[in-house]
Structures are given as structure tokens and as C-alpha cells.
Amino acid sequence: METKLSKYNVKAELCKGLSKVDLQELCDATEEAILAGGGFGWISPPSLKTLQDYWKGVLLIPERVLIIGKLDNVVAGSAQLIKPAKNNEAQSHSCTLSTFFFASWARGFGLAKAVFEKAELKAKQDGFKIINLEVRETQLRAIQLYEQAGYVRSGINPKSVFIDGKYIAGYYYYKELK
């Protein structure tokens, strides 16, 4: 019996550059994720130019690794690995997973697992032993995904973000790479 997932082409890839089409799809997915409440810091979508400049800028920063998730060859979301500054020898063993999101239309197809695997493989290849991340307490599906992927909650910041006049806690997670 064929499953829902086997009908779709799901892949995660390290992104060294973005074609015009990929950039537009990434901006569209970002805007959709922001509107759905998972905009990795944005509360409302910025202009298209701001989004384009943001993603182009990510590719210019040596300490950032962009991983994009595609569903049937359409960019549906991303994650970034953020490496510590070169002068931070004490934390040179760890990197941070950030800006992990998918457009809601692309959820439930295994993209999260593919991106986690690609991010963890890249982190290991780059010599990291630990991946850290933070997620808002309101992002229940993301929390579930992180915990299913083996991330361990290590702390809470009760005033992590301020949205609509109230504080929302952030949960800190880590995963030891083996």
C-alpha cells in the first residue's frame, strides 16, 4: 500500500545560492509562515524587498549555513545553522539551529525530518558536538518535532519575546550529536 509521503518528492539541501525562483518561493514560504505564527521573530510580514534582502544577506554571512526544504521541488521552508564567532573558543563545540520553519501547506510530508538530518549531518561534518535552539512556548508543533528528533529541553526564558503586549516564554533545547 502506498503512503501519502511516498507520493511526494521531499528533500533538504545546503543552499549556496538562490535562483530567482527559489528566492521568490522562499520569500513566499517565509511570509506564509509568519502569518501562521511561526516567523522566527517577525510578527507581521515585512515587504518583499526586505525578505529578499534578508535571505540574500544570510548567504553572505560565513557563520550561517542555510538549509532549504523542498516539496516537489518547491521551496517550502528552511533552517539555519549558526556557528559561534571565531573568538568564542569556549563554545566552539556547539552551533545553533535557527529560523526553522515551513509554510503550513508543506507540513506533514517529512520535510522537518529531512532538514533536521541535513542540519545534523552538516554540523557533524563541521566538527560540532552539540546543536542548541530556542522555541516559543506557543509553537506546540515545533516543540513536538524537536522532542521527537531527540532534542532535550534544558531551560526556560519566561520573557523571551514580547508580542501583542505580553511576554511569551521561550524553551531552550540541545541535542548531542553522535
Protein backbone atom coordinates (compact mmCIF):
# COMPACT_ATOMS: atom_id res chain seq x y z
CA MET A 1 0.00 0.00 0.00
CA GLU A 2 1.36 3.41 -0.97
CA THR A 3 1.51 6.06 1.75
CA LYS A 4 0.80 9.76 1.47
CA LEU A 5 4.51 10.52 1.94
CA SER A 6 5.76 8.25 -0.83
CA LYS A 7 3.84 10.24 -3.45
CA TYR A 8 5.90 13.39 -2.89
CA ASN A 9 9.48 14.41 -3.54
CA VAL A 10 10.85 15.68 -0.20
CA LYS A 11 14.41 16.95 0.07
CA ALA A 12 16.65 19.15 2.15
CA GLU A 13 19.68 20.78 0.61
CA LEU A 14 22.53 23.01 1.64
CA CYS A 15 21.98 26.32 -0.10
CA LYS A 16 24.99 28.12 -1.57
CA GLY A 17 22.93 30.39 -3.79
CA LEU A 18 19.31 31.09 -4.67
CA SER A 19 17.87 31.30 -8.16
CA LYS A 20 15.21 33.96 -8.70
CA VAL A 21 12.54 31.26 -8.48
CA ASP A 22 13.98 29.74 -5.29
CA LEU A 23 14.28 33.20 -3.71
CA GLN A 24 10.66 34.01 -4.54
CA GLU A 25 9.46 30.64 -3.22
CA LEU A 26 11.49 31.10 -0.03
CA CYS A 27 10.03 34.59 0.46
CA ASP A 28 6.51 33.25 -0.15
CA ALA A 29 7.04 30.42 2.34
CA THR A 30 8.51 32.86 4.88
CA GLU A 31 5.54 35.22 4.57
CA GLU A 32 3.08 32.34 4.91
CA ALA A 33 4.90 31.02 7.99
CA ILE A 34 4.91 34.48 9.59
CA LEU A 35 1.16 34.79 9.06
CA ALA A 36 0.70 31.34 10.64
CA GLY A 37 2.66 32.45 13.73
CA GLY A 38 6.00 30.78 13.03
CA GLY A 39 8.01 33.63 11.59
CA PHE A 40 11.22 33.22 13.62
CA GLY A 41 10.99 36.69 15.09
CA TRP A 42 8.79 38.54 12.65
CA ILE A 43 5.30 39.22 13.94
CA SER A 44 3.95 40.55 10.66
CA PRO A 45 5.41 40.04 7.19
CA PRO A 46 7.89 42.66 6.03
CA SER A 47 7.99 43.90 2.45
CA LEU A 48 9.09 41.53 -0.30
CA LYS A 49 12.30 43.56 -0.75
CA THR A 50 13.11 43.21 2.96
CA LEU A 51 12.60 39.44 2.76
CA GLN A 52 14.71 39.18 -0.39
CA ASP A 53 17.48 41.26 1.21
CA TYR A 54 17.32 39.15 4.36
CA TRP A 55 17.76 35.84 2.51
CA LYS A 56 20.47 37.22 0.23
CA GLY A 57 22.25 38.50 3.32
CA VAL A 58 22.10 35.12 5.04
CA LEU A 59 24.09 33.66 2.15
CA LEU A 60 26.82 36.29 2.65
CA ILE A 61 27.47 35.52 6.32
CA PRO A 62 30.20 32.88 6.70
CA GLU A 63 28.91 31.79 10.14
CA ARG A 64 25.49 30.90 8.72
CA VAL A 65 24.57 27.75 6.80
CA LEU A 66 21.21 27.88 5.04
CA ILE A 67 19.36 24.61 4.56
CA ILE A 68 16.24 24.72 2.44
CA GLY A 69 13.45 22.17 2.39
CA LYS A 70 11.69 21.46 -0.88
CA LEU A 71 8.43 19.67 -1.54
CA ASP A 72 8.10 18.57 -5.16
CA ASN A 73 10.97 20.96 -5.99
CA VAL A 74 9.20 23.98 -4.47
CA VAL A 75 10.99 25.73 -1.60
CA ALA A 76 8.71 25.31 1.39
CA GLY A 77 10.90 26.36 4.31
CA SER A 78 14.33 26.41 5.83
CA ALA A 79 16.62 26.27 8.81
CA GLN A 80 19.96 27.85 9.53
CA LEU A 81 22.95 26.58 11.42
CA ILE A 82 24.69 29.45 13.14
CA LYS A 83 28.32 28.87 14.01
CA PRO A 84 29.93 30.60 17.00
CA ALA A 85 32.24 33.56 16.44
CA LYS A 86 35.87 32.54 15.91
CA ASN A 87 36.90 34.18 19.20
CA ASN A 88 34.40 32.07 21.17
CA GLU A 89 36.67 29.10 21.84
CA ALA A 90 34.68 28.03 24.91
CA GLN A 91 31.60 27.38 22.78
CA SER A 92 33.32 26.22 19.62
CA HIS A 93 31.86 22.74 20.20
CA SER A 94 28.30 23.93 19.59
CA CYS A 95 26.20 25.61 16.94
CA THR A 96 22.64 26.92 16.94
CA LEU A 97 19.69 25.81 14.84
CA SER A 98 17.66 28.89 13.96
CA THR A 99 14.92 30.15 11.66
CA PHE A 100 13.45 26.67 11.32
CA PHE A 101 10.09 26.94 9.59
CA PHE A 102 7.85 25.56 6.87
CA ALA A 103 4.84 27.04 5.15
CA SER A 104 1.72 25.42 6.59
CA TRP A 105 0.80 23.89 3.21
CA ALA A 106 4.05 21.88 3.32
CA ARG A 107 3.69 20.43 6.81
CA GLY A 108 3.13 16.73 7.36
CA PHE A 109 5.27 15.47 4.48
CA GLY A 110 8.51 14.73 6.34
CA LEU A 111 10.33 17.96 5.50
CA ALA A 112 11.19 18.65 9.15
CA LYS A 113 12.90 15.28 9.49
CA ALA A 114 14.81 15.79 6.24
CA VAL A 115 16.01 19.24 7.31
CA PHE A 116 16.97 18.01 10.80
CA GLU A 117 19.01 15.20 9.27
CA LYS A 118 20.75 17.54 6.82
CA ALA A 119 21.47 20.12 9.56
CA GLU A 120 22.82 17.49 11.94
CA LEU A 121 25.00 15.92 9.25
CA LYS A 122 26.44 19.32 8.31
CA ALA A 123 27.03 20.20 11.97
CA LYS A 124 28.90 16.90 12.50
CA GLN A 125 30.94 17.43 9.32
CA ASP A 126 31.90 20.87 10.62
CA GLY A 127 33.09 19.33 13.91
CA PHE A 128 30.25 20.37 16.22
CA LYS A 129 29.20 18.14 19.10
CA ILE A 130 26.03 19.98 20.18
CA ILE A 131 23.16 21.80 18.45
CA ASN A 132 21.22 24.36 20.50
CA LEU A 133 17.91 26.04 19.74
CA GLU A 134 15.16 28.17 21.26
CA VAL A 135 11.43 27.95 20.51
CA ARG A 136 8.41 29.89 21.76
CA GLU A 137 6.15 28.01 24.17
CA THR A 138 3.22 28.70 21.83
CA GLN A 139 4.77 26.79 18.92
CA LEU A 140 3.49 23.42 20.06
CA ARG A 141 4.03 21.53 16.81
CA ALA A 142 7.64 22.74 16.59
CA ILE A 143 8.24 21.66 20.19
CA GLN A 144 6.81 18.24 19.38
CA LEU A 145 9.07 17.95 16.32
CA TYR A 146 12.18 18.94 18.28
CA GLU A 147 11.45 16.46 21.04
CA GLN A 148 10.72 13.66 18.54
CA ALA A 149 14.07 14.43 16.89
CA GLY A 150 15.87 13.90 20.20
CA TYR A 151 16.30 17.47 21.41
CA VAL A 152 16.32 17.86 25.19
CA ARG A 153 14.73 20.85 26.95
CA SER A 154 17.35 22.49 29.14
CA GLY A 155 15.72 25.69 30.31
CA ILE A 156 13.03 28.35 30.03
CA ASN A 157 13.23 32.09 29.49
CA PRO A 158 9.87 33.36 30.82
CA LYS A 159 10.22 36.65 28.93
CA SER A 160 11.75 35.50 25.68
CA VAL A 161 9.55 37.51 23.30
CA PHE A 162 7.05 40.35 23.62
CA ILE A 163 4.03 40.12 21.30
CA ASP A 164 0.75 41.99 21.46
CA GLY A 165 1.56 43.49 24.85
CA LYS A 166 2.52 40.27 26.61
CA TYR A 167 5.58 38.15 27.23
CA ILE A 168 5.85 34.64 25.83
CA ALA A 169 8.28 32.14 27.25
CA GLY A 170 10.99 30.53 25.19
CA TYR A 171 12.21 26.97 25.68
CA TYR A 172 15.87 26.13 25.24
CA TYR A 173 16.82 22.79 23.74
CA TYR A 174 20.04 21.00 22.85
CA LYS A 175 20.98 17.79 21.10
CA GLU A 176 24.24 15.93 21.43
CA LEU A 177 25.46 14.76 18.03
CA LYS A 178 26.79 11.21 17.97
